[in-house]
Amino acid sequence: MSDNGELQPPQEQPGLVARPPEEAAGRVANGGPWGPTDFELPDPRGDQFPVLMVSVVGGLVLVLLVGVLTIFYFNLT
Protein backbone atom coordinates (compact mmCIF):
# COMPACT_ATOMS: atom_id res chain seq x y z
CA MET A 1 0.00 0.00 0.00
CA SER A 2 1.06 3.51 -0.58
CA ASP A 3 0.93 6.34 1.93
CA ASN A 4 -2.61 7.28 0.91
CA GLY A 5 -4.00 3.70 1.25
CA GLU A 6 -4.08 2.78 -2.46
CA LEU A 7 -2.94 -0.65 -3.57
CA GLN A 8 0.18 -0.69 -5.69
CA PRO A 9 0.92 -3.35 -8.31
CA PRO A 10 3.77 -5.68 -7.41
CA GLN A 11 7.18 -4.54 -8.61
CA GLU A 12 8.82 -6.63 -11.28
CA GLN A 13 12.25 -7.94 -10.50
CA PRO A 14 14.66 -7.31 -13.36
CA GLY A 15 16.75 -10.22 -14.55
CA LEU A 16 14.26 -12.99 -13.82
CA VAL A 17 13.37 -14.77 -17.05
CA ALA A 18 11.21 -17.85 -17.47
CA ARG A 19 13.01 -20.79 -19.04
CA PRO A 20 11.58 -23.92 -20.69
CA PRO A 21 11.97 -27.22 -18.87
CA GLU A 22 15.26 -29.07 -19.38
CA GLU A 23 13.70 -31.92 -21.39
CA ALA A 24 12.24 -29.45 -23.91
CA ALA A 25 15.48 -27.68 -24.78
CA GLY A 26 15.94 -29.51 -28.10
CA ARG A 27 12.50 -28.91 -29.59
CA VAL A 28 12.27 -26.39 -32.37
CA ALA A 29 9.20 -27.36 -34.40
CA ASN A 30 5.84 -25.62 -33.92
CA GLY A 31 6.67 -22.97 -31.41
CA GLY A 32 10.05 -23.91 -30.04
CA PRO A 33 10.71 -25.41 -26.63
CA TRP A 34 7.38 -24.28 -25.20
CA GLY A 35 5.21 -25.57 -28.01
CA PRO A 36 4.20 -29.07 -29.06
CA THR A 37 5.86 -30.95 -31.89
CA ASP A 38 4.10 -32.56 -34.85
CA PHE A 39 4.37 -35.94 -33.15
CA GLU A 40 2.48 -34.87 -30.01
CA LEU A 41 -0.72 -33.62 -31.60
CA PRO A 42 -3.18 -35.41 -33.88
CA ASP A 43 -3.81 -33.94 -37.30
CA PRO A 44 -6.56 -31.32 -36.86
CA ARG A 45 -8.13 -32.31 -40.19
CA GLY A 46 -8.22 -35.99 -39.26
CA ASP A 47 -6.11 -36.87 -42.29
CA GLN A 48 -4.58 -40.32 -41.75
CA PHE A 49 -3.05 -40.64 -45.23
CA PRO A 50 0.60 -40.28 -44.09
CA VAL A 51 0.10 -42.94 -41.43
CA LEU A 52 -1.50 -45.26 -43.98
CA MET A 53 1.29 -44.74 -46.52
CA VAL A 54 4.05 -45.41 -43.99
CA SER A 55 2.26 -48.57 -42.87
CA VAL A 56 1.75 -49.86 -46.41
CA VAL A 57 5.31 -49.11 -47.54
CA GLY A 58 6.74 -50.59 -44.33
CA GLY A 59 4.68 -53.75 -44.79
CA LEU A 60 5.80 -54.11 -48.40
CA VAL A 61 9.45 -53.69 -47.43
CA LEU A 62 9.09 -56.38 -44.75
CA VAL A 63 7.38 -58.79 -47.17
CA LEU A 64 10.10 -58.16 -49.77
CA LEU A 65 12.83 -58.71 -47.19
CA VAL A 66 11.29 -61.99 -46.01
CA GLY A 67 10.91 -63.14 -49.63
CA VAL A 68 14.53 -62.37 -50.51
CA LEU A 69 15.81 -64.07 -47.34
CA THR A 70 13.65 -67.13 -48.08
CA ILE A 71 15.03 -67.39 -51.62
CA PHE A 72 18.62 -67.11 -50.34
CA TYR A 73 17.94 -69.71 -47.66
CA PHE A 74 16.60 -72.29 -50.13
CA ASN A 75 19.35 -71.57 -52.66
CA LEU A 76 22.10 -72.09 -50.03
CA THR A 77 20.69 -75.36 -48.67
PDB file of N, CA and C in Angstrom:
ATOM      1  N   MET A   1       0.840  -1.186   0.000  1.00  0.00           N
ATOM      2  CA  MET A   1       0.000   0.000   0.000  1.00  0.00           C
ATOM      3  C   MET A   1       0.883   1.246   0.000  1.00  0.00           C
ATOM      4  N   SER A   2       0.333   2.252  -0.596  1.00  0.00           N
ATOM      5  CA  SER A   2       1.056   3.514  -0.584  1.00  0.00           C
ATOM      6  C   SER A   2       0.666   4.318   0.658  1.00  0.00           C
ATOM      7  N   ASP A   3       1.207   5.492   0.754  1.00  0.00           N
ATOM      8  CA  ASP A   3       0.934   6.336   1.932  1.00  0.00           C
ATOM      9  C   ASP A   3      -0.531   6.734   2.029  1.00  0.00           C
ATOM     10  N   ASN A   4      -1.216   6.854   0.867  1.00  0.00           N
ATOM     11  CA  ASN A   4      -2.605   7.285   0.907  1.00  0.00           C
ATOM     12  C   ASN A   4      -3.590   6.105   0.932  1.00  0.00           C
ATOM     13  N   GLY A   5      -3.126   4.869   1.111  1.00  0.00           N
ATOM     14  CA  GLY A   5      -3.996   3.701   1.249  1.00  0.00           C
ATOM     15  C   GLY A   5      -4.335   2.991  -0.046  1.00  0.00           C
ATOM     16  N   GLU A   6      -3.790   3.441  -1.185  1.00  0.00           N
ATOM     17  CA  GLU A   6      -4.078   2.777  -2.459  1.00  0.00           C
ATOM     18  C   GLU A   6      -3.187   1.549  -2.631  1.00  0.00           C
ATOM     19  N   LEU A   7      -3.731   0.549  -3.275  1.00  0.00           N
ATOM     20  CA  LEU A   7      -2.944  -0.648  -3.565  1.00  0.00           C
ATOM     21  C   LEU A   7      -2.017  -0.388  -4.743  1.00  0.00           C
ATOM     22  N   GLN A   8      -0.809  -0.841  -4.634  1.00  0.00           N
ATOM     23  CA  GLN A   8       0.178  -0.686  -5.692  1.00  0.00           C
ATOM     24  C   GLN A   8       0.417  -2.055  -6.344  1.00  0.00           C
ATOM     25  N   PRO A   9       0.600  -2.067  -7.671  1.00  0.00           N
ATOM     26  CA  PRO A   9       0.920  -3.350  -8.312  1.00  0.00           C
ATOM     27  C   PRO A   9       2.276  -3.846  -7.837  1.00  0.00           C
ATOM     28  N   PRO A  10       2.474  -5.159  -7.837  1.00  0.00           N
ATOM     29  CA  PRO A  10       3.771  -5.678  -7.406  1.00  0.00           C
ATOM     30  C   PRO A  10       4.880  -5.222  -8.356  1.00  0.00           C
ATOM     31  N   GLN A  11       6.029  -4.986  -7.811  1.00  0.00           N
ATOM     32  CA  GLN A  11       7.175  -4.537  -8.606  1.00  0.00           C
ATOM     33  C   GLN A  11       7.828  -5.737  -9.285  1.00  0.00           C
ATOM     34  N   GLU A  12       8.132  -5.555 -10.555  1.00  0.00           N
ATOM     35  CA  GLU A  12       8.822  -6.628 -11.280  1.00  0.00           C
ATOM     36  C   GLU A  12      10.293  -6.622 -10.894  1.00  0.00           C
ATOM     37  N   GLN A  13      10.832  -7.824 -10.813  1.00  0.00           N
ATOM     38  CA  GLN A  13      12.253  -7.942 -10.495  1.00  0.00           C
ATOM     39  C   GLN A  13      13.024  -8.105 -11.792  1.00  0.00           C
ATOM     40  N   PRO A  14      13.910  -7.191 -12.113  1.00  0.00           N
ATOM     41  CA  PRO A  14      14.663  -7.310 -13.362  1.00  0.00           C
ATOM     42  C   PRO A  14      15.624  -8.499 -13.303  1.00  0.00           C
ATOM     43  N   GLY A  15      15.797  -9.123 -14.457  1.00  0.00           N
ATOM     44  CA  GLY A  15      16.749 -10.218 -14.551  1.00  0.00           C
ATOM     45  C   GLY A  15      16.136 -11.598 -14.397  1.00  0.00           C
ATOM     46  N   LEU A  16      14.896 -11.685 -13.942  1.00  0.00           N
ATOM     47  CA  LEU A  16      14.255 -12.986 -13.821  1.00  0.00           C
ATOM     48  C   LEU A  16      13.528 -13.306 -15.126  1.00  0.00           C
ATOM     49  N   VAL A  17      13.934 -14.388 -15.769  1.00  0.00           N
ATOM     50  CA  VAL A  17      13.368 -14.769 -17.052  1.00  0.00           C
ATOM     51  C   VAL A  17      12.904 -16.214 -16.953  1.00  0.00           C
ATOM     52  N   ALA A  18      11.707 -16.470 -17.451  1.00  0.00           N
ATOM     53  CA  ALA A  18      11.210 -17.846 -17.466  1.00  0.00           C
ATOM     54  C   ALA A  18      11.985 -18.659 -18.488  1.00  0.00           C
ATOM     55  N   ARG A  19      12.294 -19.886 -18.145  1.00  0.00           N
ATOM     56  CA  ARG A  19      13.013 -20.786 -19.044  1.00  0.00           C
ATOM     57  C   ARG A  19      12.174 -22.038 -19.264  1.00  0.00           C
ATOM     58  N   PRO A  20      12.292 -22.667 -20.453  1.00  0.00           N
ATOM     59  CA  PRO A  20      11.583 -23.920 -20.687  1.00  0.00           C
ATOM     60  C   PRO A  20      12.173 -25.035 -19.835  1.00  0.00           C
ATOM     61  N   PRO A  21      11.423 -26.101 -19.634  1.00  0.00           N
ATOM     62  CA  PRO A  21      11.973 -27.224 -18.875  1.00  0.00           C
ATOM     63  C   PRO A  21      13.171 -27.845 -19.586  1.00  0.00           C
ATOM     64  N   GLU A  22      14.021 -28.494 -18.825  1.00  0.00           N
ATOM     65  CA  GLU A  22      15.259 -29.071 -19.376  1.00  0.00           C
ATOM     66  C   GLU A  22      14.992 -30.052 -20.516  1.00  0.00           C
ATOM     67  N   GLU A  23      13.949 -30.893 -20.377  1.00  0.00           N
ATOM     68  CA  GLU A  23      13.698 -31.919 -21.393  1.00  0.00           C
ATOM     69  C   GLU A  23      13.176 -31.333 -22.694  1.00  0.00           C
ATOM     70  N   ALA A  24      12.780 -30.068 -22.711  1.00  0.00           N
ATOM     71  CA  ALA A  24      12.236 -29.452 -23.912  1.00  0.00           C
ATOM     72  C   ALA A  24      13.259 -28.585 -24.638  1.00  0.00           C
ATOM     73  N   ALA A  25      14.485 -28.589 -24.210  1.00  0.00           N
ATOM     74  CA  ALA A  25      15.482 -27.675 -24.775  1.00  0.00           C
ATOM     75  C   ALA A  25      15.761 -27.949 -26.252  1.00  0.00           C
ATOM     76  N   GLY A  26      15.605 -29.184 -26.720  1.00  0.00           N
ATOM     77  CA  GLY A  26      15.940 -29.508 -28.097  1.00  0.00           C
ATOM     78  C   GLY A  26      14.820 -29.305 -29.087  1.00  0.00           C
ATOM     79  N   ARG A  27      13.616 -29.042 -28.653  1.00  0.00           N
ATOM     80  CA  ARG A  27      12.499 -28.906 -29.588  1.00  0.00           C
ATOM     81  C   ARG A  27      12.561 -27.578 -30.314  1.00  0.00           C
ATOM     82  N   VAL A  28      12.303 -27.626 -31.602  1.00  0.00           N
ATOM     83  CA  VAL A  28      12.265 -26.392 -32.370  1.00  0.00           C
ATOM     84  C   VAL A  28      11.018 -26.294 -33.230  1.00  0.00           C
ATOM     85  N   ALA A  29      10.347 -27.383 -33.512  1.00  0.00           N
ATOM     86  CA  ALA A  29       9.200 -27.359 -34.402  1.00  0.00           C
ATOM     87  C   ALA A  29       7.959 -26.841 -33.683  1.00  0.00           C
ATOM     88  N   ASN A  30       7.145 -26.106 -34.403  1.00  0.00           N
ATOM     89  CA  ASN A  30       5.844 -25.621 -33.921  1.00  0.00           C
ATOM     90  C   ASN A  30       5.923 -24.861 -32.613  1.00  0.00           C
ATOM     91  N   GLY A  31       6.693 -23.832 -32.568  1.00  0.00           N
ATOM     92  CA  GLY A  31       6.674 -22.968 -31.406  1.00  0.00           C
ATOM     93  C   GLY A  31       7.878 -23.081 -30.501  1.00  0.00           C
ATOM     94  N   GLY A  32       8.860 -23.830 -30.861  1.00  0.00           N
ATOM     95  CA  GLY A  32      10.055 -23.911 -30.044  1.00  0.00           C
ATOM     96  C   GLY A  32       9.872 -24.760 -28.809  1.00  0.00           C
ATOM     97  N   PRO A  33      10.704 -24.548 -27.813  1.00  0.00           N
ATOM     98  CA  PRO A  33      10.713 -25.411 -26.632  1.00  0.00           C
ATOM     99  C   PRO A  33       9.398 -25.409 -25.862  1.00  0.00           C
ATOM    100  N   TRP A  34       8.632 -24.331 -25.968  1.00  0.00           N
ATOM    101  CA  TRP A  34       7.383 -24.281 -25.202  1.00  0.00           C
ATOM    102  C   TRP A  34       6.246 -24.962 -25.939  1.00  0.00           C
ATOM    103  N   GLY A  35       6.341 -25.067 -27.232  1.00  0.00           N
ATOM    104  CA  GLY A  35       5.212 -25.569 -28.011  1.00  0.00           C
ATOM    105  C   GLY A  35       5.308 -27.049 -28.302  1.00  0.00           C
ATOM    106  N   PRO A  36       4.204 -27.648 -28.717  1.00  0.00           N
ATOM    107  CA  PRO A  36       4.199 -29.070 -29.058  1.00  0.00           C
ATOM    108  C   PRO A  36       4.887 -29.317 -30.392  1.00  0.00           C
ATOM    109  N   THR A  37       5.296 -30.556 -30.613  1.00  0.00           N
ATOM    110  CA  THR A  37       5.858 -30.945 -31.893  1.00  0.00           C
ATOM    111  C   THR A  37       4.776 -31.622 -32.715  1.00  0.00           C
ATOM    112  N   ASP A  38       5.075 -31.896 -33.983  1.00  0.00           N
ATOM    113  CA  ASP A  38       4.103 -32.558 -34.853  1.00  0.00           C
ATOM    114  C   ASP A  38       3.728 -33.932 -34.339  1.00  0.00           C
ATOM    115  N   PHE A  39       4.611 -34.580 -33.590  1.00  0.00           N
ATOM    116  CA  PHE A  39       4.367 -35.937 -33.150  1.00  0.00           C
ATOM    117  C   PHE A  39       3.519 -36.003 -31.884  1.00  0.00           C
ATOM    118  N   GLU A  40       3.247 -34.860 -31.248  1.00  0.00           N
ATOM    119  CA  GLU A  40       2.485 -34.868 -30.015  1.00  0.00           C
ATOM    120  C   GLU A  40       1.012 -34.547 -30.216  1.00  0.00           C
ATOM    121  N   LEU A  41       0.655 -34.004 -31.363  1.00  0.00           N
ATOM    122  CA  LEU A  41      -0.723 -33.618 -31.599  1.00  0.00           C
ATOM    123  C   LEU A  41      -1.290 -34.385 -32.780  1.00  0.00           C
ATOM    124  N   PRO A  42      -2.562 -34.779 -32.720  1.00  0.00           N
ATOM    125  CA  PRO A  42      -3.185 -35.409 -33.881  1.00  0.00           C
ATOM    126  C   PRO A  42      -3.409 -34.364 -34.983  1.00  0.00           C
ATOM    127  N   ASP A  43      -3.550 -34.841 -36.180  1.00  0.00           N
ATOM    128  CA  ASP A  43      -3.805 -33.940 -37.297  1.00  0.00           C
ATOM    129  C   ASP A  43      -5.177 -33.296 -37.102  1.00  0.00           C
ATOM    130  N   PRO A  44      -5.269 -31.966 -37.107  1.00  0.00           N
ATOM    131  CA  PRO A  44      -6.557 -31.324 -36.857  1.00  0.00           C
ATOM    132  C   PRO A  44      -7.602 -31.640 -37.918  1.00  0.00           C
ATOM    133  N   ARG A  45      -7.172 -31.975 -39.130  1.00  0.00           N
ATOM    134  CA  ARG A  45      -8.125 -32.307 -40.191  1.00  0.00           C
ATOM    135  C   ARG A  45      -8.564 -33.768 -40.137  1.00  0.00           C
ATOM    136  N   GLY A  46      -7.894 -34.574 -39.326  1.00  0.00           N
ATOM    137  CA  GLY A  46      -8.225 -35.988 -39.264  1.00  0.00           C
ATOM    138  C   GLY A  46      -7.652 -36.779 -40.427  1.00  0.00           C
ATOM    139  N   ASP A  47      -6.698 -36.222 -41.132  1.00  0.00           N
ATOM    140  CA  ASP A  47      -6.105 -36.872 -42.293  1.00  0.00           C
ATOM    141  C   ASP A  47      -5.131 -37.952 -41.832  1.00  0.00           C
ATOM    142  N   GLN A  48      -5.426 -39.203 -42.139  1.00  0.00           N
ATOM    143  CA  GLN A  48      -4.578 -40.318 -41.750  1.00  0.00           C
ATOM    144  C   GLN A  48      -3.779 -40.869 -42.930  1.00  0.00           C
ATOM    145  N   PHE A  49      -3.752 -40.151 -44.039  1.00  0.00           N
ATOM    146  CA  PHE A  49      -3.050 -40.637 -45.232  1.00  0.00           C
ATOM    147  C   PHE A  49      -1.562 -40.883 -44.985  1.00  0.00           C
ATOM    148  N   PRO A  50      -0.831 -39.991 -44.321  1.00  0.00           N
ATOM    149  CA  PRO A  50       0.600 -40.277 -44.092  1.00  0.00           C
ATOM    150  C   PRO A  50       0.812 -41.528 -43.249  1.00  0.00           C
ATOM    151  N   VAL A  51      -0.023 -41.747 -42.264  1.00  0.00           N
ATOM    152  CA  VAL A  51       0.103 -42.944 -41.431  1.00  0.00           C
ATOM    153  C   VAL A  51      -0.165 -44.189 -42.271  1.00  0.00           C
ATOM    154  N   LEU A  52      -1.172 -44.136 -43.109  1.00  0.00           N
ATOM    155  CA  LEU A  52      -1.501 -45.262 -43.977  1.00  0.00           C
ATOM    156  C   LEU A  52      -0.370 -45.559 -44.953  1.00  0.00           C
ATOM    157  N   MET A  53       0.215 -44.525 -45.549  1.00  0.00           N
ATOM    158  CA  MET A  53       1.295 -44.739 -46.517  1.00  0.00           C
ATOM    159  C   MET A  53       2.530 -45.344 -45.851  1.00  0.00           C
ATOM    160  N   VAL A  54       2.889 -44.856 -44.687  1.00  0.00           N
ATOM    161  CA  VAL A  54       4.053 -45.413 -43.991  1.00  0.00           C
ATOM    162  C   VAL A  54       3.799 -46.866 -43.633  1.00  0.00           C
ATOM    163  N   SER A  55       2.579 -47.192 -43.218  1.00  0.00           N
ATOM    164  CA  SER A  55       2.256 -48.573 -42.870  1.00  0.00           C
ATOM    165  C   SER A  55       2.318 -49.492 -44.092  1.00  0.00           C
ATOM    166  N   VAL A  56       1.758 -49.040 -45.192  1.00  0.00           N
ATOM    167  CA  VAL A  56       1.748 -49.864 -46.405  1.00  0.00           C
ATOM    168  C   VAL A  56       3.169 -50.060 -46.938  1.00  0.00           C
ATOM    169  N   VAL A  57       3.935 -48.988 -47.024  1.00  0.00           N
ATOM    170  CA  VAL A  57       5.309 -49.106 -47.538  1.00  0.00           C
ATOM    171  C   VAL A  57       6.151 -49.958 -46.596  1.00  0.00           C
ATOM    172  N   GLY A  58       6.002 -49.767 -45.283  1.00  0.00           N
ATOM    173  CA  GLY A  58       6.744 -50.590 -44.327  1.00  0.00           C
ATOM    174  C   GLY A  58       6.387 -52.058 -44.437  1.00  0.00           C
ATOM    175  N   GLY A  59       5.109 -52.352 -44.615  1.00  0.00           N
ATOM    176  CA  GLY A  59       4.678 -53.748 -44.789  1.00  0.00           C
ATOM    177  C   GLY A  59       5.247 -54.362 -46.056  1.00  0.00           C
ATOM    178  N   LEU A  60       5.243 -53.597 -47.139  1.00  0.00           N
ATOM    179  CA  LEU A  60       5.800 -54.113 -48.400  1.00  0.00           C
ATOM    180  C   LEU A  60       7.302 -54.361 -48.289  1.00  0.00           C
ATOM    181  N   VAL A  61       8.001 -53.491 -47.615  1.00  0.00           N
ATOM    182  CA  VAL A  61       9.448 -53.694 -47.428  1.00  0.00           C
ATOM    183  C   VAL A  61       9.705 -54.955 -46.611  1.00  0.00           C
ATOM    184  N   LEU A  62       8.909 -55.168 -45.556  1.00  0.00           N
ATOM    185  CA  LEU A  62       9.087 -56.382 -44.751  1.00  0.00           C
ATOM    186  C   LEU A  62       8.784 -57.642 -45.550  1.00  0.00           C
ATOM    187  N   VAL A  63       7.715 -57.623 -46.345  1.00  0.00           N
ATOM    188  CA  VAL A  63       7.378 -58.793 -47.170  1.00  0.00           C
ATOM    189  C   VAL A  63       8.489 -59.047 -48.188  1.00  0.00           C
ATOM    190  N   LEU A  64       9.005 -58.012 -48.805  1.00  0.00           N
ATOM    191  CA  LEU A  64      10.095 -58.161 -49.769  1.00  0.00           C
ATOM    192  C   LEU A  64      11.344 -58.719 -49.102  1.00  0.00           C
ATOM    193  N   LEU A  65      11.664 -58.230 -47.914  1.00  0.00           N
ATOM    194  CA  LEU A  65      12.834 -58.715 -47.191  1.00  0.00           C
ATOM    195  C   LEU A  65      12.688 -60.192 -46.825  1.00  0.00           C
ATOM    196  N   VAL A  66      11.517 -60.580 -46.350  1.00  0.00           N
ATOM    197  CA  VAL A  66      11.288 -61.988 -46.005  1.00  0.00           C
ATOM    198  C   VAL A  66      11.377 -62.857 -47.262  1.00  0.00           C
ATOM    199  N   GLY A  67      10.836 -62.377 -48.376  1.00  0.00           N
ATOM    200  CA  GLY A  67      10.909 -63.140 -49.627  1.00  0.00           C
ATOM    201  C   GLY A  67      12.340 -63.327 -50.104  1.00  0.00           C
ATOM    202  N   VAL A  68      13.133 -62.274 -50.061  1.00  0.00           N
ATOM    203  CA  VAL A  68      14.531 -62.371 -50.508  1.00  0.00           C
ATOM    204  C   VAL A  68      15.317 -63.304 -49.590  1.00  0.00           C
ATOM    205  N   LEU A  69      15.116 -63.181 -48.275  1.00  0.00           N
ATOM    206  CA  LEU A  69      15.813 -64.070 -47.343  1.00  0.00           C
ATOM    207  C   LEU A  69      15.394 -65.528 -47.527  1.00  0.00           C
ATOM    208  N   THR A  70      14.126 -65.757 -47.831  1.00  0.00           N
ATOM    209  CA  THR A  70      13.649 -67.132 -48.079  1.00  0.00           C
ATOM    210  C   THR A  70      14.300 -67.702 -49.331  1.00  0.00           C
ATOM    211  N   ILE A  71      14.396 -66.914 -50.383  1.00  0.00           N
ATOM    212  CA  ILE A  71      15.029 -67.387 -51.618  1.00  0.00           C
ATOM    213  C   ILE A  71      16.496 -67.708 -51.375  1.00  0.00           C
ATOM    214  N   PHE A  72      17.209 -66.834 -50.661  1.00  0.00           N
ATOM    215  CA  PHE A  72      18.616 -67.107 -50.338  1.00  0.00           C
ATOM    216  C   PHE A  72      18.758 -68.356 -49.495  1.00  0.00           C
ATOM    217  N   TYR A  73      17.854 -68.543 -48.534  1.00  0.00           N
ATOM    218  CA  TYR A  73      17.942 -69.711 -47.660  1.00  0.00           C
ATOM    219  C   TYR A  73      17.805 -71.009 -48.459  1.00  0.00           C
ATOM    220  N   PHE A  74      16.804 -71.064 -49.366  1.00  0.00           N
ATOM    221  CA  PHE A  74      16.600 -72.293 -50.130  1.00  0.00           C
ATOM    222  C   PHE A  74      17.658 -72.482 -51.211  1.00  0.00           C
ATOM    223  N   ASN A  75      18.279 -71.422 -51.675  1.00  0.00           N
ATOM    224  CA  ASN A  75      19.350 -71.571 -52.656  1.00  0.00           C
ATOM    225  C   ASN A  75      20.652 -72.038 -51.998  1.00  0.00           C
ATOM    226  N   LEU A  76      20.865 -71.693 -50.729  1.00  0.00           N
ATOM    227  CA  LEU A  76      22.101 -72.085 -50.029  1.00  0.00           C
ATOM    228  C   LEU A  76      22.015 -73.518 -49.475  1.00  0.00           C
ATOM    229  N   THR A  77      20.803 -74.001 -49.259  1.00  0.00           N
ATOM    230  CA  THR A  77      20.693 -75.357 -48.674  1.00  0.00           C
ATOM    231  C   THR A  77      20.438 -76.396 -49.730  1.00  0.00           C
TER     232      THR A  77
END
